[in-house]
């Protein structure tokens, strides 16, 4: 999933997704300088209470 996919799926801001990526809370794979891929499993794990 791209960042845009996560934003549409969860209905949250793009900044919130990028913040989670930057802090390491949302694991991802960096494809290009500005493009990230996130697995649905990573998103679900991010949403679970800690």
Protein backbone atom coordinates (compact mmCIF):
# COMPACT_ATOMS: atom_id res chain seq x y z
CA UNK A 1 0.00 0.00 0.00
CA UNK A 2 1.17 3.51 -0.68
CA UNK A 3 0.85 6.36 1.81
CA UNK A 4 -2.16 7.61 -0.17
CA UNK A 5 -3.79 4.18 0.16
CA UNK A 6 -3.30 4.23 3.94
CA UNK A 7 -4.76 7.75 4.12
CA UNK A 8 -7.86 6.70 2.16
CA UNK A 9 -8.27 3.44 4.09
CA UNK A 10 -8.00 4.98 7.56
CA UNK A 11 -9.33 8.46 6.84
CA UNK A 12 -6.39 10.14 8.54
CA UNK A 13 -4.06 12.87 7.36
CA UNK A 14 -1.06 12.22 5.17
CA UNK A 15 1.09 13.98 7.75
CA UNK A 16 0.01 11.46 10.42
CA UNK A 17 1.15 8.58 8.22
CA UNK A 18 4.47 10.23 7.41
CA UNK A 19 5.00 11.02 11.10
CA UNK A 20 4.44 7.35 11.98
CA UNK A 21 6.90 6.33 9.27
CA UNK A 22 9.53 8.82 10.45
CA UNK A 23 9.27 7.72 14.09
CA UNK A 24 9.44 4.06 13.09
CA UNK A 25 5.98 3.26 14.47
CA UNK A 26 4.79 2.28 10.99
CA UNK A 27 7.33 0.04 9.26
CA UNK A 28 7.64 0.50 5.53
CA UNK A 29 9.85 -0.02 2.53
CA UNK A 30 11.22 3.05 0.79
CA UNK A 31 10.97 2.73 -2.98
CA UNK A 32 12.13 6.15 -4.12
CA UNK A 33 13.05 9.39 -2.45
CA UNK A 34 9.36 10.21 -1.98
CA UNK A 35 7.53 6.89 -2.23
CA UNK A 36 6.98 4.35 0.53
CA UNK A 37 5.20 0.99 0.60
CA UNK A 38 3.42 -0.25 3.70
CA UNK A 39 1.92 -3.69 4.19
CA UNK A 40 -1.67 -4.01 5.45
CA UNK A 41 -0.31 -6.11 8.32
CA UNK A 42 1.98 -3.25 9.37
CA UNK A 43 -0.97 -0.84 9.36
CA UNK A 44 -3.06 -3.21 11.49
CA UNK A 45 -0.18 -3.66 13.96
CA UNK A 46 0.25 0.13 14.12
CA UNK A 47 -3.42 0.54 15.02
CA UNK A 48 -3.37 -1.99 17.86
CA UNK A 49 -3.06 -0.55 21.36
CA UNK A 50 0.39 -0.78 22.81
